[in-house]
Amino acid sequence: MRHKEQLGFLTVACNSDQVDYLQLAYLQALNVKKTQKTNKFAVVVDKSTNQKVSNKHKKVFDYIIEASEHSYGVFGTEAFLFELTPFKETIKLESDLLFTRSIDHWIHAFRLRDIVLSSGCKNYRQETSSV
């Protein structure tokens, strides 16, 4: 996909029998829109999840991208995200992550490296995550 915008957030929402990832992505998009100055949001879905996209989702997601199933299943899509993203600079998120404040000040730091990986994540009690 050609880049349509400079910067934005991207997540994957491929529902499973146990988890409604589309709902998680929807809540995450609402969270990003509320807490971030730069808040364009794209969601990558599989065919079956795309059939569950409603008007409420379309109002919040700036881009809904249906990815074809790869031979590696849903997680095979992860390897192709940077080909699918509509953003030249993409902040890729897991769909269960929420922000408590703006991370706009991180954008300069992100631009110093091609890829930035998080480490030392904390839970809502400010305890370092063991997972």
N, C-alpha and C. Protein backbone atom coordinates (compact mmCIF):
# COMPACT_ATOMS: atom_id res chain seq x y z
N MET A 1 0.84 -1.18 0.00
CA MET A 1 0.00 0.00 0.00
C MET A 1 0.89 1.24 0.00
N ARG A 2 0.54 2.18 -0.80
CA ARG A 2 1.25 3.45 -0.79
C ARG A 2 0.88 4.21 0.47
N HIS A 3 1.83 4.93 0.99
CA HIS A 3 1.57 5.70 2.20
C HIS A 3 0.63 6.86 1.90
N LYS A 4 -0.43 6.95 2.66
CA LYS A 4 -1.41 8.01 2.47
C LYS A 4 -1.23 9.14 3.46
N GLU A 5 -0.58 8.84 4.58
CA GLU A 5 -0.39 9.83 5.63
C GLU A 5 1.00 9.66 6.22
N GLN A 6 1.46 10.69 6.91
CA GLN A 6 2.81 10.66 7.48
C GLN A 6 2.91 9.74 8.69
N LEU A 7 2.01 9.89 9.65
CA LEU A 7 2.16 9.20 10.94
C LEU A 7 0.82 8.72 11.46
N GLY A 8 0.81 7.52 12.03
CA GLY A 8 -0.41 7.01 12.63
C GLY A 8 -0.18 5.73 13.38
N PHE A 9 -1.24 5.28 14.03
CA PHE A 9 -1.23 4.06 14.83
C PHE A 9 -1.86 2.92 14.04
N LEU A 10 -1.37 1.71 14.28
CA LEU A 10 -1.86 0.52 13.57
C LEU A 10 -1.97 -0.64 14.55
N THR A 11 -3.06 -1.38 14.45
CA THR A 11 -3.22 -2.60 15.24
C THR A 11 -3.87 -3.67 14.38
N VAL A 12 -3.80 -4.90 14.87
CA VAL A 12 -4.40 -6.04 14.19
C VAL A 12 -5.60 -6.49 15.01
N ALA A 13 -6.72 -6.73 14.34
CA ALA A 13 -7.93 -7.22 15.01
C ALA A 13 -8.49 -8.40 14.23
N CYS A 14 -8.02 -9.58 14.57
CA CYS A 14 -8.53 -10.81 13.96
C CYS A 14 -9.17 -11.62 15.08
N ASN A 15 -10.50 -11.61 15.13
CA ASN A 15 -11.23 -12.24 16.22
C ASN A 15 -10.92 -13.72 16.33
N SER A 16 -10.97 -14.21 17.57
CA SER A 16 -10.84 -15.64 17.82
C SER A 16 -12.12 -16.09 18.54
N ASP A 17 -12.20 -17.37 18.84
CA ASP A 17 -13.37 -17.86 19.58
C ASP A 17 -13.43 -17.29 20.99
N GLN A 18 -12.28 -16.95 21.55
CA GLN A 18 -12.22 -16.48 22.93
C GLN A 18 -12.18 -14.96 23.07
N VAL A 19 -11.69 -14.25 22.05
CA VAL A 19 -11.45 -12.81 22.20
C VAL A 19 -12.05 -12.03 21.03
N ASP A 20 -12.75 -10.96 21.37
CA ASP A 20 -13.28 -10.05 20.35
C ASP A 20 -12.25 -8.93 20.15
N TYR A 21 -11.27 -9.18 19.28
CA TYR A 21 -10.20 -8.22 19.04
C TYR A 21 -10.71 -6.96 18.33
N LEU A 22 -11.79 -7.08 17.59
CA LEU A 22 -12.37 -5.91 16.94
C LEU A 22 -12.86 -4.92 18.00
N GLN A 23 -13.48 -5.43 19.05
CA GLN A 23 -13.94 -4.56 20.14
C GLN A 23 -12.75 -3.93 20.86
N LEU A 24 -11.69 -4.72 21.09
CA LEU A 24 -10.48 -4.17 21.72
C LEU A 24 -9.89 -3.07 20.87
N ALA A 25 -9.80 -3.30 19.56
CA ALA A 25 -9.25 -2.28 18.66
C ALA A 25 -10.12 -1.03 18.63
N TYR A 26 -11.42 -1.21 18.68
CA TYR A 26 -12.35 -0.09 18.71
C TYR A 26 -12.12 0.77 19.96
N LEU A 27 -12.04 0.12 21.12
CA LEU A 27 -11.80 0.84 22.36
C LEU A 27 -10.42 1.52 22.34
N GLN A 28 -9.44 0.83 21.76
CA GLN A 28 -8.11 1.41 21.65
C GLN A 28 -8.12 2.64 20.75
N ALA A 29 -8.83 2.58 19.64
CA ALA A 29 -8.92 3.73 18.74
C ALA A 29 -9.58 4.92 19.44
N LEU A 30 -10.64 4.65 20.20
CA LEU A 30 -11.27 5.73 20.98
C LEU A 30 -10.27 6.34 21.96
N ASN A 31 -9.48 5.47 22.59
CA ASN A 31 -8.46 5.91 23.55
C ASN A 31 -7.39 6.76 22.86
N VAL A 32 -6.92 6.32 21.71
CA VAL A 32 -5.91 7.08 20.96
C VAL A 32 -6.47 8.43 20.54
N LYS A 33 -7.69 8.45 20.06
CA LYS A 33 -8.32 9.71 19.63
C LYS A 33 -8.43 10.69 20.80
N LYS A 34 -8.65 10.16 22.00
CA LYS A 34 -8.84 11.01 23.18
C LYS A 34 -7.51 11.49 23.77
N THR A 35 -6.46 10.68 23.70
CA THR A 35 -5.23 11.01 24.43
C THR A 35 -4.08 11.52 23.57
N GLN A 36 -4.14 11.34 22.26
CA GLN A 36 -3.00 11.68 21.40
C GLN A 36 -3.35 12.82 20.45
N LYS A 37 -2.43 13.76 20.28
CA LYS A 37 -2.62 14.84 19.32
C LYS A 37 -2.57 14.27 17.90
N THR A 38 -1.55 13.44 17.63
CA THR A 38 -1.47 12.70 16.37
C THR A 38 -2.24 11.42 16.60
N ASN A 39 -3.39 11.25 15.92
CA ASN A 39 -4.26 10.15 16.30
C ASN A 39 -4.93 9.41 15.15
N LYS A 40 -4.32 9.43 13.97
CA LYS A 40 -4.85 8.62 12.88
C LYS A 40 -4.71 7.16 13.26
N PHE A 41 -5.71 6.34 12.92
CA PHE A 41 -5.74 4.96 13.41
C PHE A 41 -6.16 4.01 12.29
N ALA A 42 -5.36 2.97 12.11
CA ALA A 42 -5.65 1.94 11.12
C ALA A 42 -5.77 0.60 11.82
N VAL A 43 -6.68 -0.22 11.35
CA VAL A 43 -6.86 -1.56 11.89
C VAL A 43 -6.77 -2.56 10.73
N VAL A 44 -6.02 -3.62 10.95
CA VAL A 44 -5.90 -4.70 9.97
C VAL A 44 -6.78 -5.84 10.46
N VAL A 45 -7.67 -6.29 9.60
CA VAL A 45 -8.61 -7.36 9.95
C VAL A 45 -8.53 -8.49 8.94
N ASP A 46 -8.97 -9.66 9.37
CA ASP A 46 -9.10 -10.77 8.43
C ASP A 46 -10.53 -10.72 7.84
N LYS A 47 -10.81 -11.60 6.92
CA LYS A 47 -12.08 -11.57 6.20
C LYS A 47 -13.28 -11.73 7.14
N SER A 48 -13.21 -12.69 8.06
CA SER A 48 -14.36 -12.93 8.94
C SER A 48 -14.57 -11.77 9.92
N THR A 49 -13.50 -11.17 10.41
CA THR A 49 -13.64 -10.02 11.30
C THR A 49 -14.16 -8.81 10.53
N ASN A 50 -13.72 -8.65 9.29
CA ASN A 50 -14.18 -7.53 8.47
C ASN A 50 -15.70 -7.56 8.28
N GLN A 51 -16.28 -8.75 8.27
CA GLN A 51 -17.73 -8.87 8.12
C GLN A 51 -18.48 -8.36 9.35
N LYS A 52 -17.78 -8.21 10.46
CA LYS A 52 -18.39 -7.73 11.70
C LYS A 52 -18.20 -6.22 11.91
N VAL A 53 -17.48 -5.58 11.00
CA VAL A 53 -17.26 -4.14 11.09
C VAL A 53 -18.58 -3.42 10.85
N SER A 54 -18.93 -2.55 11.79
CA SER A 54 -20.20 -1.81 11.70
C SER A 54 -19.93 -0.32 11.48
N ASN A 55 -21.01 0.44 11.37
CA ASN A 55 -20.87 1.89 11.18
C ASN A 55 -20.16 2.55 12.35
N LYS A 56 -20.37 2.04 13.59
CA LYS A 56 -19.69 2.65 14.74
C LYS A 56 -18.18 2.49 14.60
N HIS A 57 -17.73 1.35 14.06
CA HIS A 57 -16.30 1.14 13.83
C HIS A 57 -15.78 2.08 12.74
N LYS A 58 -16.54 2.20 11.68
CA LYS A 58 -16.13 3.03 10.55
C LYS A 58 -16.00 4.50 10.93
N LYS A 59 -16.75 4.94 11.93
CA LYS A 59 -16.67 6.32 12.39
C LYS A 59 -15.38 6.60 13.16
N VAL A 60 -14.80 5.55 13.76
CA VAL A 60 -13.62 5.73 14.61
C VAL A 60 -12.33 5.36 13.89
N PHE A 61 -12.34 4.25 13.13
CA PHE A 61 -11.14 3.83 12.41
C PHE A 61 -10.96 4.70 11.17
N ASP A 62 -9.76 5.25 11.00
CA ASP A 62 -9.48 6.03 9.80
C ASP A 62 -9.25 5.12 8.60
N TYR A 63 -8.70 3.93 8.87
CA TYR A 63 -8.45 2.95 7.80
C TYR A 63 -8.81 1.56 8.32
N ILE A 64 -9.55 0.81 7.52
CA ILE A 64 -9.84 -0.59 7.80
C ILE A 64 -9.25 -1.38 6.64
N ILE A 65 -8.27 -2.21 6.95
CA ILE A 65 -7.53 -2.92 5.91
C ILE A 65 -7.77 -4.41 6.07
N GLU A 66 -8.35 -5.01 5.05
CA GLU A 66 -8.55 -6.47 5.10
C GLU A 66 -7.30 -7.14 4.54
N ALA A 67 -6.69 -7.96 5.36
CA ALA A 67 -5.49 -8.69 4.95
C ALA A 67 -5.90 -10.10 4.56
N SER A 68 -5.30 -10.60 3.51
CA SER A 68 -5.58 -11.97 3.12
C SER A 68 -4.90 -12.92 4.10
N GLU A 69 -5.52 -14.06 4.32
CA GLU A 69 -4.94 -15.06 5.22
C GLU A 69 -3.67 -15.61 4.57
N HIS A 70 -2.60 -15.61 5.32
CA HIS A 70 -1.35 -16.18 4.84
C HIS A 70 -1.25 -17.62 5.32
N SER A 71 -0.35 -18.36 4.76
CA SER A 71 -0.22 -19.77 5.12
C SER A 71 0.17 -19.95 6.59
N TYR A 72 0.59 -18.86 7.25
CA TYR A 72 0.96 -18.95 8.66
C TYR A 72 -0.19 -18.56 9.58
N GLY A 73 -1.39 -18.40 9.05
CA GLY A 73 -2.54 -18.06 9.86
C GLY A 73 -2.60 -16.57 10.17
N VAL A 74 -3.38 -16.24 11.17
CA VAL A 74 -3.60 -14.84 11.54
C VAL A 74 -2.29 -14.15 11.90
N PHE A 75 -1.42 -14.83 12.63
CA PHE A 75 -0.18 -14.20 13.05
C PHE A 75 0.79 -14.00 11.89
N GLY A 76 0.56 -14.67 10.78
CA GLY A 76 1.36 -14.43 9.60
C GLY A 76 1.17 -13.04 9.05
N THR A 77 0.03 -12.45 9.36
CA THR A 77 -0.26 -11.07 8.95
C THR A 77 0.75 -10.09 9.55
N GLU A 78 1.21 -10.37 10.76
CA GLU A 78 2.15 -9.48 11.44
C GLU A 78 3.39 -9.18 10.59
N ALA A 79 3.85 -10.19 9.86
CA ALA A 79 5.06 -10.02 9.05
C ALA A 79 4.85 -9.05 7.88
N PHE A 80 3.60 -8.80 7.52
CA PHE A 80 3.29 -7.97 6.36
C PHE A 80 2.73 -6.60 6.74
N LEU A 81 2.71 -6.27 8.01
CA LEU A 81 2.07 -5.02 8.44
C LEU A 81 2.68 -3.78 7.82
N PHE A 82 3.99 -3.77 7.66
CA PHE A 82 4.60 -2.56 7.12
C PHE A 82 4.40 -2.44 5.61
N GLU A 83 3.91 -3.50 4.99
CA GLU A 83 3.46 -3.39 3.60
C GLU A 83 2.01 -2.93 3.54
N LEU A 84 1.25 -3.22 4.60
CA LEU A 84 -0.17 -2.89 4.63
C LEU A 84 -0.47 -1.50 5.19
N THR A 85 0.43 -0.96 5.99
CA THR A 85 0.14 0.30 6.68
C THR A 85 -0.05 1.47 5.70
N PRO A 86 -1.00 2.33 6.01
CA PRO A 86 -1.18 3.53 5.19
C PRO A 86 -0.28 4.69 5.64
N PHE A 87 0.54 4.44 6.66
CA PHE A 87 1.37 5.50 7.23
C PHE A 87 2.84 5.32 6.88
N LYS A 88 3.50 6.44 6.57
CA LYS A 88 4.94 6.39 6.33
C LYS A 88 5.66 6.05 7.63
N GLU A 89 5.19 6.61 8.74
CA GLU A 89 5.72 6.30 10.07
C GLU A 89 4.58 5.65 10.86
N THR A 90 4.78 4.41 11.26
CA THR A 90 3.71 3.62 11.89
C THR A 90 4.08 3.27 13.32
N ILE A 91 3.17 3.55 14.22
CA ILE A 91 3.30 3.10 15.61
C ILE A 91 2.39 1.89 15.73
N LYS A 92 2.99 0.70 15.75
CA LYS A 92 2.23 -0.55 15.80
C LYS A 92 1.94 -0.90 17.25
N LEU A 93 0.67 -1.15 17.54
CA LEU A 93 0.23 -1.45 18.90
C LEU A 93 -0.42 -2.82 18.98
N GLU A 94 -0.30 -3.47 20.12
CA GLU A 94 -1.12 -4.63 20.41
C GLU A 94 -2.51 -4.09 20.77
N SER A 95 -3.55 -4.79 20.40
CA SER A 95 -4.89 -4.23 20.52
C SER A 95 -5.40 -4.11 21.96
N ASP A 96 -4.68 -4.66 22.93
CA ASP A 96 -5.13 -4.54 24.32
C ASP A 96 -4.40 -3.45 25.09
N LEU A 97 -3.66 -2.59 24.40
CA LEU A 97 -2.90 -1.53 25.05
C LEU A 97 -3.73 -0.24 25.08
N LEU A 98 -3.73 0.44 26.22
CA LEU A 98 -4.39 1.73 26.34
C LEU A 98 -3.40 2.75 26.89
N PHE A 99 -3.59 4.01 26.52
CA PHE A 99 -2.73 5.08 26.98
C PHE A 99 -3.41 5.87 28.10
N THR A 100 -2.63 6.26 29.09
CA THR A 100 -3.16 7.10 30.17
C THR A 100 -2.83 8.57 29.93
N ARG A 101 -1.91 8.83 29.00
CA ARG A 101 -1.54 10.21 28.66
C ARG A 101 -0.91 10.22 27.26
N SER A 102 -0.65 11.40 26.79
CA SER A 102 -0.09 11.57 25.45
C SER A 102 1.33 11.01 25.36
N ILE A 103 1.64 10.40 24.22
CA ILE A 103 3.02 9.97 23.93
C ILE A 103 3.58 10.77 22.76
N ASP A 104 2.97 11.90 22.45
CA ASP A 104 3.43 12.71 21.32
C ASP A 104 4.91 13.07 21.43
N HIS A 105 5.40 13.24 22.65
CA HIS A 105 6.81 13.59 22.84
C HIS A 105 7.75 12.42 22.48
N TRP A 106 7.22 11.21 22.33
CA TRP A 106 8.04 10.07 21.94
C TRP A 106 8.38 10.10 20.44
N ILE A 107 7.59 10.81 19.66
CA ILE A 107 7.73 10.76 18.21
C ILE A 107 9.13 11.16 17.77
N HIS A 108 9.72 12.16 18.40
CA HIS A 108 11.09 12.54 18.06
C HIS A 108 12.04 11.36 18.31
N ALA A 109 11.91 10.70 19.44
CA ALA A 109 12.77 9.55 19.76
C ALA A 109 12.56 8.43 18.76
N PHE A 110 11.33 8.20 18.35
CA PHE A 110 11.06 7.15 17.36
C PHE A 110 11.79 7.44 16.05
N ARG A 111 11.91 8.66 15.70
CA ARG A 111 12.52 9.03 14.43
C ARG A 111 14.03 8.83 14.41
N LEU A 112 14.62 8.56 15.55
CA LEU A 112 16.06 8.32 15.62
C LEU A 112 16.42 6.89 15.22
N ARG A 113 15.46 5.99 15.16
CA ARG A 113 15.68 4.58 14.82
C ARG A 113 14.61 4.11 13.84
N ASP A 114 14.98 3.10 13.01
CA ASP A 114 14.00 2.54 12.08
C ASP A 114 12.94 1.73 12.81
N ILE A 115 13.35 1.02 13.85
CA ILE A 115 12.43 0.20 14.62
C ILE A 115 12.68 0.45 16.10
N VAL A 116 11.61 0.60 16.85
CA VAL A 116 11.72 0.79 18.29
C VAL A 116 10.87 -0.28 18.96
N LEU A 117 11.46 -1.03 19.87
CA LEU A 117 10.74 -2.06 20.60
C LEU A 117 10.58 -1.64 22.05
N SER A 118 9.43 -1.92 22.60
CA SER A 118 9.21 -1.55 24.01
C SER A 118 9.82 -2.60 24.92
N SER A 119 10.17 -2.16 26.12
CA SER A 119 10.67 -3.08 27.14
C SER A 119 10.34 -2.49 28.50
N GLY A 120 10.32 -3.33 29.51
CA GLY A 120 10.04 -2.84 30.85
C GLY A 120 8.64 -2.28 31.00
N CYS A 121 7.66 -2.91 30.36
CA CYS A 121 6.28 -2.43 30.45
C CYS A 121 5.76 -2.58 31.87
N LYS A 122 4.86 -1.65 32.25
CA LYS A 122 4.31 -1.67 33.60
C LYS A 122 2.79 -1.83 33.55
N ASN A 123 2.23 -2.41 34.60
CA ASN A 123 0.79 -2.54 34.69
C ASN A 123 0.19 -1.28 35.35
N TYR A 124 -1.10 -1.29 35.58
CA TYR A 124 -1.75 -0.11 36.13
C TYR A 124 -1.29 0.23 37.55
N ARG A 125 -0.62 -0.69 38.23
CA ARG A 125 -0.08 -0.45 39.57
C ARG A 125 1.37 0.03 39.53
N GLN A 126 1.87 0.29 38.31
CA GLN A 126 3.24 0.70 38.08
C GLN A 126 4.25 -0.40 38.45
N GLU A 127 3.80 -1.67 38.39
CA GLU A 127 4.68 -2.80 38.62
C GLU A 127 5.18 -3.28 37.26
N THR A 128 6.47 -3.60 37.18
CA THR A 128 7.02 -4.09 35.92
C THR A 128 6.35 -5.41 35.56
N SER A 129 5.90 -5.51 34.34
CA SER A 129 5.21 -6.71 33.88
C SER A 129 6.17 -7.88 33.77
N SER A 130 5.70 -9.04 34.15
CA SER A 130 6.52 -10.25 34.05
C SER A 130 6.23 -11.01 32.77
N VAL A 131 5.31 -10.53 31.98
CA VAL A 131 4.91 -11.23 30.76
C VAL A 131 5.56 -10.62 29.55
